[in-house]
């Protein structure tokens, strides 16, 4: 049941990047928007932008790692707006580092925000959607939910976990014949501020792995997913290649990424001692929609249905195998018509005759 314009949506990570761009997109169609992030001042900026674009914003400062804060934010949306039609989990943090340079505390924090934040948000949404038996929960995932890469082990682990959690929940909702939709959006690299404020233990400044898209591309895809719900959407040709390639050649990708993905995630600019990061607390000065890689970021991207993207290569392979089978069958049949078909008795008599001729 698609939700049309003028509904109520809640967005986590709404103060910057994809979350902020998504708030702008819903605002253009007059939605009422619950805005969740840690930084109240940045959320106020987003609220003003939302209202300039024609929507209505509700500022809900909260850390998604705090389950009770998320439940309270959902309750506030219900009190102010009356319902929740769509809930979008987007908030994330990451650390660029080899595993052996990270602390247990850093792994824990990435997991609490990037994975458990999605769990808390989903649980908060379900508290209100299940009694109404309606609504749509969207998980902002990544191609890295299917394929881990070096230097982002905690983030990749969290994105894998989100996919497993969402698949489990989906089966439970199907069992209950629920009308609540669940959608995973698997993203490519996006030009957001995360590369300016993510913690890093590397010598040079982080960067997204090319090709890169603008956050508005993701926002448009999310909005279309609300209008036409899908199980899973893959955004960008690079996402399609990564997911299908990992399904076919995972060991080859291990070696390719080991060779190429370190340099692909660093600029030539050294990391300064004054660099702040948002792992434990927000970085006030860097809240914005786009990052600093706009010169190479695309304004468009392919968006495909995940289940269909899996079926097409299988169907092509099956057709190729079928055609090859027909060709082999035709050749075999033609060959069979050029030679006489002998019974086992005929072959035996010929063999015995050969032996007799040899004796003579």
Protein backbone atom coordinates (compact mmCIF):
# COMPACT_ATOMS: atom_id res chain seq x y z
CA UNK A 1 0.00 0.00 0.00
CA UNK A 2 2.03 2.99 -1.21
CA UNK A 3 1.97 6.06 1.04
CA UNK A 4 1.25 9.22 -0.94
CA UNK A 5 2.40 12.80 -0.38
CA UNK A 6 1.40 14.56 2.81
CA UNK A 7 2.23 11.62 5.07
CA UNK A 8 4.44 11.33 8.15
CA UNK A 9 8.04 10.13 7.87
CA UNK A 10 10.77 9.75 10.51
CA UNK A 11 14.42 9.93 9.40
CA UNK A 12 17.44 9.08 11.54
CA UNK A 13 20.74 10.72 10.65
CA UNK A 14 18.69 13.69 9.39
CA UNK A 15 21.28 16.37 10.17
CA UNK A 16 23.64 15.61 7.26
CA UNK A 17 24.31 13.62 4.10
CA UNK A 18 21.73 11.18 2.80
CA UNK A 19 19.40 11.74 5.75
CA UNK A 20 19.29 15.49 5.20
CA UNK A 21 18.84 15.13 1.44
CA UNK A 22 16.01 12.65 2.05
CA UNK A 23 14.28 15.12 4.39
CA UNK A 24 14.48 17.74 1.62
CA UNK A 25 12.93 15.34 -0.90
CA UNK A 26 9.96 14.46 1.30
CA UNK A 27 9.48 18.11 2.22
CA UNK A 28 8.97 19.04 -1.43
CA UNK A 29 5.80 16.95 -1.41
CA UNK A 30 4.52 18.37 1.84
CA UNK A 31 5.36 15.56 4.26
CA UNK A 32 5.57 16.01 8.01
CA UNK A 33 9.04 14.86 9.03
CA UNK A 34 10.45 13.68 12.34
CA UNK A 35 14.17 14.58 12.30
CA UNK A 36 16.47 12.46 14.49
CA UNK A 37 20.19 13.04 15.09
CA UNK A 38 22.49 13.97 17.97
CA UNK A 39 23.07 17.63 17.15
CA UNK A 40 20.02 19.78 17.97
CA UNK A 41 21.40 22.89 16.22
CA UNK A 42 22.04 21.00 12.99
CA UNK A 43 18.53 19.54 13.18
CA UNK A 44 17.12 23.06 13.54
CA UNK A 45 18.90 23.99 10.32
CA UNK A 46 17.37 20.95 8.61
CA UNK A 47 13.93 21.84 9.99
CA UNK A 48 14.15 25.36 8.54
CA UNK A 49 15.15 23.94 5.16
CA UNK A 50 12.28 21.44 5.31
CA UNK A 51 9.75 24.18 6.00
CA UNK A 52 11.14 26.42 3.25
CA UNK A 53 10.58 23.51 0.84
CA UNK A 54 6.94 23.03 1.88
CA UNK A 55 7.12 20.37 4.59
CA UNK A 56 6.84 20.44 8.37
CA UNK A 57 9.75 19.41 10.58
CA UNK A 58 9.89 18.10 14.13
CA UNK A 59 13.30 18.25 15.81
CA UNK A 60 14.05 15.12 17.86
CA UNK A 61 17.62 15.20 19.23
CA UNK A 62 18.62 11.62 20.13
CA UNK A 63 21.48 9.17 19.88
CA UNK A 64 20.21 6.15 17.94
CA UNK A 65 22.39 3.93 20.14
CA UNK A 66 20.02 4.79 23.03
CA UNK A 67 16.95 2.58 22.62
CA UNK A 68 14.82 4.48 25.14
CA UNK A 69 15.60 7.76 23.39
CA UNK A 70 14.41 6.26 20.13
CA UNK A 71 11.19 4.97 21.68
CA UNK A 72 10.62 8.42 23.16
CA UNK A 73 11.20 10.09 19.78
CA UNK A 74 8.63 7.81 18.15
CA UNK A 75 6.11 8.58 20.89
CA UNK A 76 6.67 12.30 20.35
CA UNK A 77 5.97 11.94 16.60
CA UNK A 78 2.71 10.17 17.42
CA UNK A 79 1.71 12.94 19.86
CA UNK A 80 2.51 15.72 17.38
CA UNK A 81 1.65 14.18 14.02
CA UNK A 82 -0.78 11.40 14.95
CA UNK A 83 0.85 8.51 13.09
CA UNK A 84 4.04 7.21 11.46
CA UNK A 85 3.70 6.16 7.81
CA UNK A 86 7.39 5.70 6.96
CA UNK A 87 10.47 5.20 9.13
CA UNK A 88 13.90 5.54 7.50
CA UNK A 89 16.99 4.26 9.35
CA UNK A 90 20.06 6.06 8.04
CA UNK A 91 22.32 7.14 10.94
CA UNK A 92 25.84 5.70 10.83
CA UNK A 93 29.43 6.14 11.96
CA UNK A 94 32.57 4.39 10.76
CA UNK A 95 36.30 4.10 11.39
CA UNK A 96 38.90 3.85 8.63
CA UNK A 97 41.50 1.50 10.01
CA UNK A 98 42.99 -1.98 9.85
CA UNK A 99 41.42 -4.24 12.48
CA UNK A 100 44.61 -4.41 14.56
CA UNK A 101 44.77 -0.63 14.95
CA UNK A 102 41.22 -0.33 16.30
CA UNK A 103 40.13 -0.54 19.92
CA UNK A 104 37.29 -2.66 21.25
CA UNK A 105 35.54 0.58 22.22
CA UNK A 106 35.62 1.77 18.60
CA UNK A 107 34.17 -1.49 17.33
CA UNK A 108 31.47 -1.29 19.97
CA UNK A 109 30.52 2.27 19.09
CA UNK A 110 30.27 1.62 15.34
CA UNK A 111 28.10 -1.42 16.07
CA UNK A 112 25.87 0.45 18.51
CA UNK A 113 25.16 3.25 16.05
CA UNK A 114 25.32 1.63 12.63
CA UNK A 115 23.67 -1.69 13.53
CA UNK A 116 21.83 -1.36 16.86
CA UNK A 117 20.65 2.11 15.86
CA UNK A 118 18.74 0.44 13.01
CA UNK A 119 17.38 -2.19 15.39
CA UNK A 120 16.23 0.46 17.88
CA UNK A 121 14.64 2.55 15.14
CA UNK A 122 12.86 -0.46 13.68
CA UNK A 123 11.56 -1.51 17.10
CA UNK A 124 10.34 2.03 17.76
CA UNK A 125 8.50 2.09 14.44
CA UNK A 126 6.94 -1.33 14.96
CA UNK A 127 5.50 -0.29 18.33
CA UNK A 128 3.19 2.04 16.44
CA UNK A 129 2.91 0.39 13.02
CA UNK A 130 1.89 -3.08 14.20
CA UNK A 131 -1.31 -2.00 16.01
CA UNK A 132 -2.31 -0.05 12.88
CA UNK A 133 -1.12 -2.90 10.59
CA UNK A 134 0.36 -0.43 8.13
CA UNK A 135 3.58 1.45 7.44
CA UNK A 136 6.91 1.17 5.68
CA UNK A 137 10.39 0.76 7.21
CA UNK A 138 13.38 1.55 5.00
CA UNK A 139 16.91 0.48 5.90
CA UNK A 140 19.68 2.50 4.25
CA UNK A 141 22.21 -0.22 3.53
CA UNK A 142 25.24 -0.52 1.30
CA UNK A 143 26.89 -2.73 -1.27
CA UNK A 144 29.19 -3.46 1.69
CA UNK A 145 26.31 -5.39 3.26
CA UNK A 146 27.28 -8.11 0.75
CA UNK A 147 31.02 -7.56 0.35
CA UNK A 148 33.40 -6.50 3.10
CA UNK A 149 36.31 -4.26 2.12
CA UNK A 150 39.56 -3.40 3.91
CA UNK A 151 39.76 -0.49 6.37
CA UNK A 152 36.04 -0.58 7.25
CA UNK A 153 35.59 -3.87 9.07
CA UNK A 154 33.27 -2.53 11.80
CA UNK A 155 31.05 -0.72 9.30
CA UNK A 156 30.89 -3.69 6.91
CA UNK A 157 30.04 -6.00 9.81
CA UNK A 158 27.22 -3.68 10.87
CA UNK A 159 25.78 -3.49 7.36
CA UNK A 160 25.88 -7.29 7.03
CA UNK A 161 24.06 -7.51 10.37
CA UNK A 162 21.36 -5.07 9.24
CA UNK A 163 20.59 -7.26 6.23
CA UNK A 164 20.35 -10.39 8.37
CA UNK A 165 18.15 -8.63 10.93
CA UNK A 166 15.85 -7.23 8.24
CA UNK A 167 15.46 -10.60 6.50
CA UNK A 168 14.52 -12.24 9.81
CA UNK A 169 11.99 -9.54 10.61
CA UNK A 170 10.50 -9.79 7.13
CA UNK A 171 9.73 -13.49 7.61
CA UNK A 172 8.06 -12.74 10.94
CA UNK A 173 5.86 -10.07 9.38
CA UNK A 174 4.93 -12.43 6.54
CA UNK A 175 4.04 -15.11 9.10
CA UNK A 176 1.71 -12.65 10.84
CA UNK A 177 0.23 -11.56 7.48
CA UNK A 178 1.29 -8.01 8.31
CA UNK A 179 0.81 -5.20 5.80
CA UNK A 180 3.99 -3.43 6.96
CA UNK A 181 6.57 -3.08 4.18
CA UNK A 182 10.32 -3.57 4.65
CA UNK A 183 12.84 -2.28 2.11
CA UNK A 184 16.64 -2.48 2.01
CA UNK A 185 18.40 0.18 -0.08
CA UNK A 186 21.93 -0.93 -1.03
CA UNK A 187 24.05 2.15 -1.77
CA UNK A 188 27.24 2.89 -3.72
CA UNK A 189 29.77 5.47 -2.51
CA UNK A 190 28.01 8.76 -1.79
CA UNK A 191 29.41 12.30 -1.56
CA UNK A 192 28.53 13.05 2.07
CA UNK A 193 30.48 14.71 4.93
CA UNK A 194 31.30 11.32 6.49
CA UNK A 195 34.74 11.35 4.87
CA UNK A 196 35.54 14.64 6.62
CA UNK A 197 34.46 13.55 10.09
CA UNK A 198 34.81 9.77 10.25
CA UNK A 199 37.54 8.60 12.62
CA UNK A 200 40.64 7.32 10.85
CA UNK A 201 43.88 5.66 11.85
CA UNK A 202 45.32 6.03 8.36
CA UNK A 203 48.03 8.57 7.41
CA UNK A 204 45.97 10.29 4.69
CA UNK A 205 42.44 11.72 4.59
CA UNK A 206 39.64 9.26 3.71
CA UNK A 207 37.70 9.37 0.49
CA UNK A 208 34.83 7.39 -1.11
CA UNK A 209 35.66 4.55 -3.49
CA UNK A 210 34.81 5.75 -7.01
CA UNK A 211 32.37 5.96 -8.69
CA UNK A 212 30.56 8.40 -6.40
CA UNK A 213 26.98 9.74 -6.49
CA UNK A 214 25.39 12.78 -4.89
CA UNK A 215 23.16 12.24 -1.82
CA UNK A 216 20.14 13.57 -3.72
CA UNK A 217 20.35 10.49 -5.97
CA UNK A 218 19.78 8.30 -2.93
CA UNK A 219 17.03 10.58 -1.62
CA UNK A 220 15.11 10.28 -4.89
CA UNK A 221 15.50 6.49 -4.89
CA UNK A 222 14.21 6.30 -1.30
CA UNK A 223 11.21 8.45 -2.15
CA UNK A 224 10.37 6.26 -5.14
CA UNK A 225 10.69 3.16 -2.95
CA UNK A 226 8.00 4.63 -0.69
CA UNK A 227 5.72 5.25 -3.65
CA UNK A 228 6.37 1.78 -5.11
CA UNK A 229 7.54 -0.53 -2.30
CA UNK A 230 10.20 -3.11 -3.12
CA UNK A 231 11.92 -5.77 -1.07
CA UNK A 232 15.37 -4.45 -1.96
CA UNK A 233 16.84 -1.82 -4.28
CA UNK A 234 20.41 -1.70 -5.59
CA UNK A 235 21.57 1.81 -6.46
CA UNK A 236 24.37 2.35 -8.96
CA UNK A 237 26.07 0.07 -11.45
CA UNK A 238 28.97 -0.35 -9.03
CA UNK A 239 26.60 -1.82 -6.41
CA UNK A 240 25.25 -4.26 -8.99
CA UNK A 241 28.77 -5.33 -9.96
CA UNK A 242 29.93 -5.74 -6.35
CA UNK A 243 26.96 -7.84 -5.21
CA UNK A 244 26.78 -10.11 -8.25
CA UNK A 245 30.57 -10.31 -8.54
CA UNK A 246 30.90 -11.37 -4.93
CA UNK A 247 28.28 -14.07 -5.47
CA UNK A 248 30.32 -15.53 -8.33
CA UNK A 249 33.98 -14.73 -7.56
CA UNK A 250 34.41 -13.97 -3.84
CA UNK A 251 37.97 -15.30 -3.62
CA UNK A 252 39.05 -13.28 -6.65
CA UNK A 253 37.54 -10.16 -5.05
CA UNK A 254 39.50 -10.86 -1.84
CA UNK A 255 42.76 -10.44 -3.74
CA UNK A 256 41.54 -7.59 -5.94
CA UNK A 257 40.38 -5.53 -2.94
CA UNK A 258 43.56 -6.31 -1.02
CA UNK A 259 45.47 -4.77 -3.93
CA UNK A 260 43.22 -1.87 -4.92
CA UNK A 261 40.94 -0.82 -2.06
CA UNK A 262 43.54 0.69 0.28
CA UNK A 263 44.65 3.48 -2.06
CA UNK A 264 41.07 3.87 -3.33
CA UNK A 265 39.98 5.01 0.14
CA UNK A 266 42.67 7.64 0.72
CA UNK A 267 43.46 11.03 -0.77
CA UNK A 268 46.95 12.47 -1.06
CA UNK A 269 46.19 14.88 1.80
CA UNK A 270 47.74 13.96 5.16
CA UNK A 271 45.58 13.72 8.28
CA UNK A 272 46.21 16.70 10.53
CA UNK A 273 46.50 16.52 14.30
CA UNK A 274 43.58 18.95 14.67
CA UNK A 275 41.16 16.68 12.78
CA UNK A 276 37.93 16.09 14.75
CA UNK A 277 35.71 13.03 14.30
CA UNK A 278 32.08 12.22 15.06
CA UNK A 279 32.46 8.72 16.50
CA UNK A 280 31.65 9.61 20.10
CA UNK A 281 30.13 13.08 19.67
CA UNK A 282 28.92 15.24 16.80
CA UNK A 283 31.16 17.68 14.92
CA UNK A 284 29.14 20.88 14.76
CA UNK A 285 30.90 22.64 11.89
CA UNK A 286 30.59 19.85 9.31
CA UNK A 287 26.83 19.25 9.18
CA UNK A 288 25.75 19.65 5.58
CA UNK A 289 24.17 17.59 2.80
CA UNK A 290 27.13 17.15 0.43
CA UNK A 291 30.77 16.35 1.03
CA UNK A 292 33.84 17.68 -0.79
CA UNK A 293 33.89 15.23 -3.69
CA UNK A 294 31.22 16.93 -5.79
CA UNK A 295 33.52 17.39 -8.78
CA UNK A 296 33.49 13.65 -9.42
CA UNK A 297 30.00 12.81 -8.13
CA UNK A 298 27.21 11.85 -10.54
CA UNK A 299 23.69 13.26 -10.34
CA UNK A 300 22.12 10.07 -11.68
CA UNK A 301 22.43 6.36 -10.99
CA UNK A 302 20.87 3.11 -12.10
CA UNK A 303 18.31 1.79 -9.60
CA UNK A 304 17.35 -1.87 -9.95
CA UNK A 305 15.15 -4.26 -8.05
CA UNK A 306 17.47 -6.58 -6.10
CA UNK A 307 15.53 -9.84 -6.60
CA UNK A 308 15.16 -9.12 -10.32
CA UNK A 309 18.87 -8.30 -10.63
CA UNK A 310 19.66 -11.74 -9.26
CA UNK A 311 17.22 -13.50 -11.60
CA UNK A 312 18.37 -11.91 -14.87
CA UNK A 313 21.92 -13.39 -14.85
CA UNK A 314 20.49 -16.77 -13.88
CA UNK A 315 17.91 -16.56 -16.66
CA UNK A 316 20.57 -15.59 -19.20
CA UNK A 317 22.75 -18.47 -18.04
CA UNK A 318 19.85 -20.89 -18.20
CA UNK A 319 18.97 -19.76 -21.74
CA UNK A 320 22.60 -20.11 -22.82
CA UNK A 321 22.75 -23.61 -21.35
CA UNK A 322 19.46 -24.50 -23.02
CA UNK A 323 20.68 -23.20 -26.38
CA UNK A 324 23.95 -25.09 -25.99
CA UNK A 325 21.98 -28.22 -25.17
CA UNK A 326 19.86 -27.82 -28.29
CA UNK A 327 22.99 -27.31 -30.40
CA UNK A 328 24.67 -30.39 -28.99
CA UNK A 329 21.49 -32.37 -29.40
CA UNK A 330 21.14 -31.28 -33.01
CA UNK A 331 24.73 -32.22 -33.82
CA UNK A 332 24.39 -35.54 -32.06
CA UNK A 333 21.20 -36.27 -33.95
CA UNK A 334 22.81 -35.39 -37.27
CA UNK A 335 25.79 -37.59 -36.47
CA UNK A 336 23.48 -40.44 -35.51
CA UNK A 337 21.77 -40.31 -38.93
CA UNK A 338 25.09 -40.68 -40.77
CA UNK A 339 26.06 -43.92 -39.08
CA UNK A 340 24.07 -47.15 -38.80
CA UNK A 341 22.73 -47.96 -35.36
CA UNK A 342 23.79 -51.48 -34.32
CA UNK A 343 22.31 -53.58 -31.58
CA UNK A 344 24.48 -55.21 -28.90
CA UNK A 345 24.13 -58.54 -30.74
CA UNK A 346 25.29 -56.97 -34.01
CA UNK A 347 28.36 -55.52 -32.29
CA UNK A 348 29.13 -58.89 -30.71
CA UNK A 349 28.90 -60.73 -34.04
CA UNK A 350 31.17 -58.16 -35.69
CA UNK A 351 33.72 -58.55 -32.89
CA UNK A 352 33.69 -62.37 -33.14
CA UNK A 353 34.00 -62.14 -36.92
CA UNK A 354 37.05 -59.94 -36.51
CA UNK A 355 38.64 -62.47 -34.20
CA UNK A 356 37.89 -65.31 -36.66
CA UNK A 357 39.42 -63.34 -39.52
CA UNK A 358 42.51 -62.76 -37.49
CA UNK A 359 42.87 -66.48 -36.77
CA UNK A 360 42.61 -67.32 -40.44
